[in-house]
PDB file of N, CA and C in Angstrom:
ATOM      1  N   MET A   1       0.677  -1.027   0.378  1.00  0.00           N
ATOM      2  CA  MET A   1       0.120   0.197   0.024  1.00  0.00           C
ATOM      3  C   MET A   1       0.655   1.507   0.099  1.00  0.00           C
ATOM      4  N   GLU A   2       2.107   0.970   0.816  1.00  0.00           N
ATOM      5  CA  GLU A   2       3.238   2.753   1.002  1.00  0.00           C
ATOM      6  C   GLU A   2       3.078   2.630  -0.499  1.00  0.00           C
ATOM      7  N   ASP A   3       3.795   1.335  -1.386  1.00  0.00           N
ATOM      8  CA  ASP A   3       4.713   2.225  -1.943  1.00  0.00           C
ATOM      9  C   ASP A   3       3.418   2.610  -3.538  1.00  0.00           C
ATOM     10  N   TRP A   4       2.385   2.111  -3.946  1.00  0.00           N
ATOM     11  CA  TRP A   4       0.618   2.593  -4.186  1.00  0.00           C
ATOM     12  C   TRP A   4       1.045   4.188  -4.279  1.00  0.00           C
ATOM     13  N   VAL A   5       0.960   4.168  -2.893  1.00  0.00           N
ATOM     14  CA  VAL A   5       0.611   5.783  -2.312  1.00  0.00           C
ATOM     15  C   VAL A   5       1.555   6.973  -3.028  1.00  0.00           C
ATOM     16  N   LYS A   6       3.007   6.137  -2.947  1.00  0.00           N
ATOM     17  CA  LYS A   6       3.724   7.045  -3.037  1.00  0.00           C
ATOM     18  C   LYS A   6       3.829   6.924  -4.497  1.00  0.00           C
ATOM     19  N   ALA A   7       3.453   6.460  -5.904  1.00  0.00           N
ATOM     20  CA  ALA A   7       3.606   6.881  -7.335  1.00  0.00           C
ATOM     21  C   ALA A   7       2.917   8.243  -7.420  1.00  0.00           C
ATOM     22  N   ASP A   8       2.341   8.214  -6.598  1.00  0.00           N
ATOM     23  CA  ASP A   8       1.258   9.882  -6.292  1.00  0.00           C
ATOM     24  C   ASP A   8       0.393   9.729  -7.709  1.00  0.00           C
ATOM     25  N   ARG A   9      -0.346   8.975  -8.430  1.00  0.00           N
ATOM     26  CA  ARG A   9      -1.493   8.383  -9.318  1.00  0.00           C
ATOM     27  C   ARG A   9      -2.690   9.591  -8.777  1.00  0.00           C
ATOM     28  N   SER A  10      -3.113  10.312 -10.076  1.00  0.00           N
ATOM     29  CA  SER A  10      -3.859  10.396 -10.091  1.00  0.00           C
ATOM     30  C   SER A  10      -5.345   9.580  -9.909  1.00  0.00           C
ATOM     31  N   ILE A  11      -6.324   9.425  -9.055  1.00  0.00           N
ATOM     32  CA  ILE A  11      -7.952   8.882  -8.982  1.00  0.00           C
ATOM     33  C   ILE A  11      -8.645   9.566  -9.087  1.00  0.00           C
ATOM     34  N   GLU A  12      -8.728  10.649  -9.962  1.00  0.00           N
ATOM     35  CA  GLU A  12      -9.666  11.346  -9.594  1.00  0.00           C
ATOM     36  C   GLU A  12     -10.632  10.647 -12.054  1.00  0.00           C
ATOM     37  N   ASN A  13     -11.802  10.725 -11.486  1.00  0.00           N
ATOM     38  CA  ASN A  13     -12.339  10.020 -12.397  1.00  0.00           C
ATOM     39  C   ASN A  13     -11.690   9.164 -12.710  1.00  0.00           C
ATOM     40  N   GLU A  14     -11.669   8.068 -12.099  1.00  0.00           N
ATOM     41  CA  GLU A  14     -11.699   6.363 -11.811  1.00  0.00           C
ATOM     42  C   GLU A  14     -12.108   6.178 -10.791  1.00  0.00           C
ATOM     43  N   ASP A  15     -12.693   4.689 -11.226  1.00  0.00           N
ATOM     44  CA  ASP A  15     -13.133   3.101  -9.911  1.00  0.00           C
ATOM     45  C   ASP A  15     -11.795   3.611  -9.300  1.00  0.00           C
ATOM     46  N   VAL A  16     -12.224   3.050  -8.156  1.00  0.00           N
ATOM     47  CA  VAL A  16     -11.413   2.772  -7.044  1.00  0.00           C
ATOM     48  C   VAL A  16     -11.996   1.689  -6.251  1.00  0.00           C
ATOM     49  N   VAL A  17     -11.458   0.357  -6.395  1.00  0.00           N
ATOM     50  CA  VAL A  17     -11.647  -1.021  -6.134  1.00  0.00           C
ATOM     51  C   VAL A  17     -10.808  -1.122  -4.714  1.00  0.00           C
ATOM     52  N   VAL A  18     -10.896  -1.764  -3.847  1.00  0.00           N
ATOM     53  CA  VAL A  18     -10.331  -2.353  -2.891  1.00  0.00           C
ATOM     54  C   VAL A  18     -10.624  -3.962  -2.829  1.00  0.00           C
ATOM     55  N   TRP A  19      -9.782  -4.403  -2.678  1.00  0.00           N
ATOM     56  CA  TRP A  19      -9.929  -6.007  -2.170  1.00  0.00           C
ATOM     57  C   TRP A  19      -9.472  -5.710  -0.693  1.00  0.00           C
ATOM     58  N   TYR A  20     -10.677  -6.330   0.409  1.00  0.00           N
ATOM     59  CA  TYR A  20      -9.895  -6.689   1.751  1.00  0.00           C
ATOM     60  C   TYR A  20     -10.822  -8.398   2.407  1.00  0.00           C
ATOM     61  N   ASN A  21      -9.524  -8.824   2.610  1.00  0.00           N
ATOM     62  CA  ASN A  21      -9.436  -9.862   2.958  1.00  0.00           C
ATOM     63  C   ASN A  21      -9.733 -10.736   4.537  1.00  0.00           C
ATOM     64  N   MET A  22     -10.710 -10.859   5.043  1.00  0.00           N
ATOM     65  CA  MET A  22     -10.411 -11.641   6.360  1.00  0.00           C
ATOM     66  C   MET A  22     -11.065 -13.124   6.609  1.00  0.00           C
ATOM     67  N   GLY A  23     -10.458 -12.735   7.930  1.00  0.00           N
ATOM     68  CA  GLY A  23     -10.528 -14.323   8.761  1.00  0.00           C
ATOM     69  C   GLY A  23     -11.594 -13.930  10.366  1.00  0.00           C
ATOM     70  N   HIS A  24     -11.587 -15.389   9.655  1.00  0.00           N
ATOM     71  CA  HIS A  24     -12.544 -15.818  11.662  1.00  0.00           C
ATOM     72  C   HIS A  24     -11.603 -16.958  12.193  1.00  0.00           C
ATOM     73  N   HIS A  25     -10.578 -16.644  13.164  1.00  0.00           N
ATOM     74  CA  HIS A  25     -10.280 -17.768  14.498  1.00  0.00           C
ATOM     75  C   HIS A  25     -11.580 -18.213  15.254  1.00  0.00           C
ATOM     76  N   HIS A  26     -11.873 -19.323  15.478  1.00  0.00           N
ATOM     77  CA  HIS A  26     -13.154 -19.676  17.155  1.00  0.00           C
ATOM     78  C   HIS A  26     -12.242 -20.070  17.478  1.00  0.00           C
ATOM     79  N   ILE A  27     -11.394 -19.517  18.526  1.00  0.00           N
ATOM     80  CA  ILE A  27     -10.980 -20.540  20.122  1.00  0.00           C
ATOM     81  C   ILE A  27     -12.546 -20.628  20.670  1.00  0.00           C
ATOM     82  N   THR A  28     -11.892 -22.381  20.206  1.00  0.00           N
ATOM     83  CA  THR A  28     -12.999 -23.252  21.206  1.00  0.00           C
ATOM     84  C   THR A  28     -13.162 -22.996  22.426  1.00  0.00           C
ATOM     85  N   ARG A  29     -14.348 -23.129  23.111  1.00  0.00           N
ATOM     86  CA  ARG A  29     -15.035 -23.058  25.427  1.00  0.00           C
ATOM     87  C   ARG A  29     -15.741 -24.455  25.170  1.00  0.00           C
ATOM     88  N   PRO A  30     -14.929 -24.833  26.785  1.00  0.00           N
ATOM     89  CA  PRO A  30     -17.019 -25.251  27.107  1.00  0.00           C
ATOM     90  C   PRO A  30     -17.938 -25.789  26.503  1.00  0.00           C
ATOM     91  N   GLU A  31     -18.400 -24.393  26.466  1.00  0.00           N
ATOM     92  CA  GLU A  31     -19.584 -23.741  26.314  1.00  0.00           C
ATOM     93  C   GLU A  31     -19.849 -23.924  25.039  1.00  0.00           C
ATOM     94  N   ASP A  32     -19.159 -23.975  24.534  1.00  0.00           N
ATOM     95  CA  ASP A  32     -19.558 -24.119  22.354  1.00  0.00           C
ATOM     96  C   ASP A  32     -19.952 -25.461  22.445  1.00  0.00           C
ATOM     97  N   TRP A  33     -20.298 -26.412  23.086  1.00  0.00           N
ATOM     98  CA  TRP A  33     -19.858 -27.917  22.754  1.00  0.00           C
ATOM     99  C   TRP A  33     -22.261 -28.788  23.434  1.00  0.00           C
ATOM    100  N   PRO A  34     -22.708 -28.540  22.818  1.00  0.00           N
ATOM    101  CA  PRO A  34     -22.661 -29.164  21.137  1.00  0.00           C
ATOM    102  C   PRO A  34     -23.299 -28.454  20.390  1.00  0.00           C
ATOM    103  N   VAL A  35     -23.226 -27.057  20.608  1.00  0.00           N
ATOM    104  CA  VAL A  35     -24.269 -25.610  20.135  1.00  0.00           C
ATOM    105  C   VAL A  35     -22.887 -24.986  19.641  1.00  0.00           C
ATOM    106  N   MET A  36     -22.704 -23.912  18.469  1.00  0.00           N
ATOM    107  CA  MET A  36     -21.694 -22.989  18.706  1.00  0.00           C
ATOM    108  C   MET A  36     -22.673 -21.717  18.456  1.00  0.00           C
ATOM    109  N   PRO A  37     -22.734 -21.626  19.742  1.00  0.00           N
ATOM    110  CA  PRO A  37     -22.790 -19.632  19.633  1.00  0.00           C
ATOM    111  C   PRO A  37     -22.958 -18.182  17.951  1.00  0.00           C
ATOM    112  N   THR A  38     -23.511 -17.417  18.211  1.00  0.00           N
ATOM    113  CA  THR A  38     -23.350 -17.270  17.203  1.00  0.00           C
ATOM    114  C   THR A  38     -21.868 -16.114  16.866  1.00  0.00           C
ATOM    115  N   ALA A  39     -21.307 -16.389  15.969  1.00  0.00           N
ATOM    116  CA  ALA A  39     -20.107 -15.702  16.040  1.00  0.00           C
ATOM    117  C   ALA A  39     -19.869 -14.258  14.655  1.00  0.00           C
ATOM    118  N   TYR A  40     -19.483 -13.380  15.252  1.00  0.00           N
ATOM    119  CA  TYR A  40     -20.048 -12.310  14.808  1.00  0.00           C
ATOM    120  C   TYR A  40     -18.287 -11.352  14.265  1.00  0.00           C
ATOM    121  N   ILE A  41     -18.473 -10.662  13.525  1.00  0.00           N
ATOM    122  CA  ILE A  41     -17.214 -10.081  12.889  1.00  0.00           C
ATOM    123  C   ILE A  41     -17.686  -8.880  11.647  1.00  0.00           C
ATOM    124  N   SER A  42     -17.228  -8.202  12.296  1.00  0.00           N
ATOM    125  CA  SER A  42     -16.970  -6.645  11.142  1.00  0.00           C
ATOM    126  C   SER A  42     -16.154  -5.734   9.730  1.00  0.00           C
ATOM    127  N   PHE A  43     -16.597  -5.125   9.640  1.00  0.00           N
ATOM    128  CA  PHE A  43     -16.111  -3.990   9.178  1.00  0.00           C
ATOM    129  C   PHE A  43     -16.903  -3.046   7.894  1.00  0.00           C
ATOM    130  N   ILE A  44     -15.611  -1.431   8.383  1.00  0.00           N
ATOM    131  CA  ILE A  44     -15.310  -0.729   8.569  1.00  0.00           C
ATOM    132  C   ILE A  44     -15.092   0.450   7.832  1.00  0.00           C
ATOM    133  N   LEU A  45     -14.945   1.075   6.585  1.00  0.00           N
ATOM    134  CA  LEU A  45     -14.128   1.851   6.127  1.00  0.00           C
ATOM    135  C   LEU A  45     -14.348   3.436   6.668  1.00  0.00           C
ATOM    136  N   LYS A  46     -13.644   4.662   7.453  1.00  0.00           N
ATOM    137  CA  LYS A  46     -13.313   5.328   7.949  1.00  0.00           C
ATOM    138  C   LYS A  46     -12.425   6.214   7.236  1.00  0.00           C
ATOM    139  N   PRO A  47     -12.418   7.797   6.542  1.00  0.00           N
ATOM    140  CA  PRO A  47     -11.457   8.213   5.969  1.00  0.00           C
ATOM    141  C   PRO A  47     -10.855   9.031   7.722  1.00  0.00           C
ATOM    142  N   THR A  48      -9.948   8.919   7.845  1.00  0.00           N
ATOM    143  CA  THR A  48      -9.185   9.933   8.781  1.00  0.00           C
ATOM    144  C   THR A  48      -8.565  11.200   7.738  1.00  0.00           C
ATOM    145  N   GLY A  49      -8.758  12.112   8.123  1.00  0.00           N
ATOM    146  CA  GLY A  49      -7.551  13.180   7.347  1.00  0.00           C
ATOM    147  C   GLY A  49      -8.888  14.069   6.231  1.00  0.00           C
ATOM    148  N   PHE A  50     -10.141  13.828   6.456  1.00  0.00           N
ATOM    149  CA  PHE A  50     -10.185  13.409   5.189  1.00  0.00           C
ATOM    150  C   PHE A  50     -11.064  15.667   4.787  1.00  0.00           C
ATOM    151  N   PHE A  51     -11.455  15.676   6.458  1.00  0.00           N
ATOM    152  CA  PHE A  51     -11.531  17.029   6.021  1.00  0.00           C
ATOM    153  C   PHE A  51     -10.258  18.165   6.874  1.00  0.00           C
ATOM    154  N   ASN A  52      -9.922  19.358   6.504  1.00  0.00           N
ATOM    155  CA  ASN A  52      -9.407  19.801   7.598  1.00  0.00           C
ATOM    156  C   ASN A  52      -9.727  20.345   8.784  1.00  0.00           C
ATOM    157  N   ARG A  53     -11.384  20.137   8.852  1.00  0.00           N
ATOM    158  CA  ARG A  53     -11.876  20.285  10.341  1.00  0.00           C
ATOM    159  C   ARG A  53     -13.119  19.851  10.322  1.00  0.00           C
ATOM    160  N   ASN A  54     -13.816  19.979  11.650  1.00  0.00           N
ATOM    161  CA  ASN A  54     -14.852  18.831  11.326  1.00  0.00           C
ATOM    162  C   ASN A  54     -16.453  19.470  10.513  1.00  0.00           C
ATOM    163  N   PRO A  55     -16.731  19.444   9.901  1.00  0.00           N
ATOM    164  CA  PRO A  55     -17.762  19.729   8.654  1.00  0.00           C
ATOM    165  C   PRO A  55     -19.344  20.207   9.152  1.00  0.00           C
ATOM    166  N   ALA A  56     -19.219  20.224  10.187  1.00  0.00           N
ATOM    167  CA  ALA A  56     -20.613  20.553  11.170  1.00  0.00           C
ATOM    168  C   ALA A  56     -20.256  21.419  12.386  1.00  0.00           C
ATOM    169  N   LEU A  57     -19.041  21.948  12.189  1.00  0.00           N
ATOM    170  CA  LEU A  57     -18.936  23.407  12.729  1.00  0.00           C
ATOM    171  C   LEU A  57     -19.831  23.907  12.290  1.00  0.00           C
ATOM    172  N   ASP A  58     -19.281  24.858  10.967  1.00  0.00           N
ATOM    173  CA  ASP A  58     -20.682  25.615  10.437  1.00  0.00           C
ATOM    174  C   ASP A  58     -22.170  25.706  10.048  1.00  0.00           C
ATOM    175  N   VAL A  59     -23.083  24.082  10.773  1.00  0.00           N
ATOM    176  CA  VAL A  59     -23.492  23.750  11.294  1.00  0.00           C
ATOM    177  C   VAL A  59     -24.619  24.799  12.407  1.00  0.00           C
ATOM    178  N   PRO A  60     -25.426  25.814  12.142  1.00  0.00           N
ATOM    179  CA  PRO A  60     -26.178  26.788  12.987  1.00  0.00           C
ATOM    180  C   PRO A  60     -26.948  25.558  13.629  1.00  0.00           C
ATOM    181  N   PRO A  61     -27.115  25.945  15.005  1.00  0.00           N
ATOM    182  CA  PRO A  61     -27.500  25.350  16.667  1.00  0.00           C
ATOM    183  C   PRO A  61     -28.909  25.495  16.060  1.00  0.00           C
ATOM    184  N   SER A  62     -29.717  24.450  16.421  1.00  0.00           N
ATOM    185  CA  SER A  62     -30.976  24.474  16.063  1.00  0.00           C
ATOM    186  C   SER A  62     -32.132  25.217  17.242  1.00  0.00           C
ATOM    187  N   LYS A  63     -32.944  25.163  16.925  1.00  0.00           N
ATOM    188  CA  LYS A  63     -33.791  26.905  18.082  1.00  0.00           C
ATOM    189  C   LYS A  63     -35.312  25.509  18.220  1.00  0.00           C
ATOM    190  N   SER A  64     -35.021  25.173  18.590  1.00  0.00           N
ATOM    191  CA  SER A  64     -36.431  23.951  18.727  1.00  0.00           C
ATOM    192  C   SER A  64     -37.591  24.558  20.277  1.00  0.00           C
ATOM    193  N   LYS A  65     -38.095  24.644  19.746  1.00  0.00           N
ATOM    194  CA  LYS A  65     -40.231  25.324  20.057  1.00  0.00           C
ATOM    195  C   LYS A  65     -40.250  25.090  21.716  1.00  0.00           C
ATOM    196  N   ASN A  66     -39.238  23.583  21.580  1.00  0.00           N
ATOM    197  CA  ASN A  66     -40.005  22.883  23.159  1.00  0.00           C
ATOM    198  C   ASN A  66     -38.642  22.333  23.849  1.00  0.00           C
ATOM    199  N   SER A  67     -37.755  23.167  23.342  1.00  0.00           N
ATOM    200  CA  SER A  67     -36.498  23.040  24.360  1.00  0.00           C
ATOM    201  C   SER A  67     -36.631  24.190  25.351  1.00  0.00           C
ATOM    202  N   ALA A  68     -35.819  23.707  26.629  1.00  0.00           N
ATOM    203  CA  ALA A  68     -36.220  24.523  27.675  1.00  0.00           C
ATOM    204  C   ALA A  68     -35.342  25.251  27.863  1.00  0.00           C
ATOM    205  N   CYS A  69     -34.682  25.540  27.475  1.00  0.00           N
ATOM    206  CA  CYS A  69     -33.110  26.740  27.367  1.00  0.00           C
ATOM    207  C   CYS A  69     -34.261  27.918  26.363  1.00  0.00           C
ATOM    208  N   GLN A  70     -35.670  27.383  25.792  1.00  0.00           N
ATOM    209  CA  GLN A  70     -36.259  28.682  25.285  1.00  0.00           C
ATOM    210  C   GLN A  70     -37.689  29.340  25.569  1.00  0.00           C
ATOM    211  N   MET A  71     -37.781  28.508  26.562  1.00  0.00           N
ATOM    212  CA  MET A  71     -39.063  28.493  27.001  1.00  0.00           C
ATOM    213  C   MET A  71     -39.384  29.304  26.884  1.00  0.00           C
ATOM    214  N   ASP A  72     -38.726  30.143  27.854  1.00  0.00           N
ATOM    215  CA  ASP A  72     -38.820  31.399  28.903  1.00  0.00           C
ATOM    216  C   ASP A  72     -38.526  33.467  27.644  1.00  0.00           C
ATOM    217  N   GLY A  73     -37.974  32.939  26.523  1.00  0.00           N
ATOM    218  CA  GLY A  73     -37.586  33.702  25.783  1.00  0.00           C
ATOM    219  C   GLY A  73     -36.055  33.881  26.175  1.00  0.00           C
ATOM    220  N   HIS A  74     -35.342  33.470  27.365  1.00  0.00           N
ATOM    221  CA  HIS A  74     -34.182  34.011  27.705  1.00  0.00           C
ATOM    222  C   HIS A  74     -33.733  32.114  27.545  1.00  0.00           C
ATOM    223  N   SER A  75     -31.919  33.001  27.276  1.00  0.00           N
ATOM    224  CA  SER A  75     -30.829  31.395  27.396  1.00  0.00           C
ATOM    225  C   SER A  75     -31.194  31.235  28.079  1.00  0.00           C
ATOM    226  N   SER A  76     -31.407  30.138  29.012  1.00  0.00           N
ATOM    227  CA  SER A  76     -30.999  29.533  30.745  1.00  0.00           C
ATOM    228  C   SER A  76     -30.427  28.569  31.045  1.00  0.00           C
ATOM    229  N   CYS A  77     -30.484  28.094  30.148  1.00  0.00           N
ATOM    230  CA  CYS A  77     -29.254  26.631  30.031  1.00  0.00           C
ATOM    231  C   CYS A  77     -27.938  27.077  30.744  1.00  0.00           C
ATOM    232  N   HIS A  78     -27.152  27.817  30.325  1.00  0.00           N
ATOM    233  CA  HIS A  78     -25.584  27.687  31.184  1.00  0.00           C
ATOM    234  C   HIS A  78     -25.306  29.096  30.803  1.00  0.00           C
TER     235      HIS A  78
END
């Protein structure tokens, strides 16, 4: 992967394909016999450094009519 990234090839207008292989190794326990319980495995792709800061910082705060902070017309939360 490191060598591929160092090549600095453009990915604009290209299909990026990632093949990810994973295996599950089950270490048996006495509780697993005669019926093995369900074993879970998962995978997530989570970019790091995609934005230079949190894009949610530009979202204006919500002003709920039912909020205790706004009921008396004054901000009383903090």
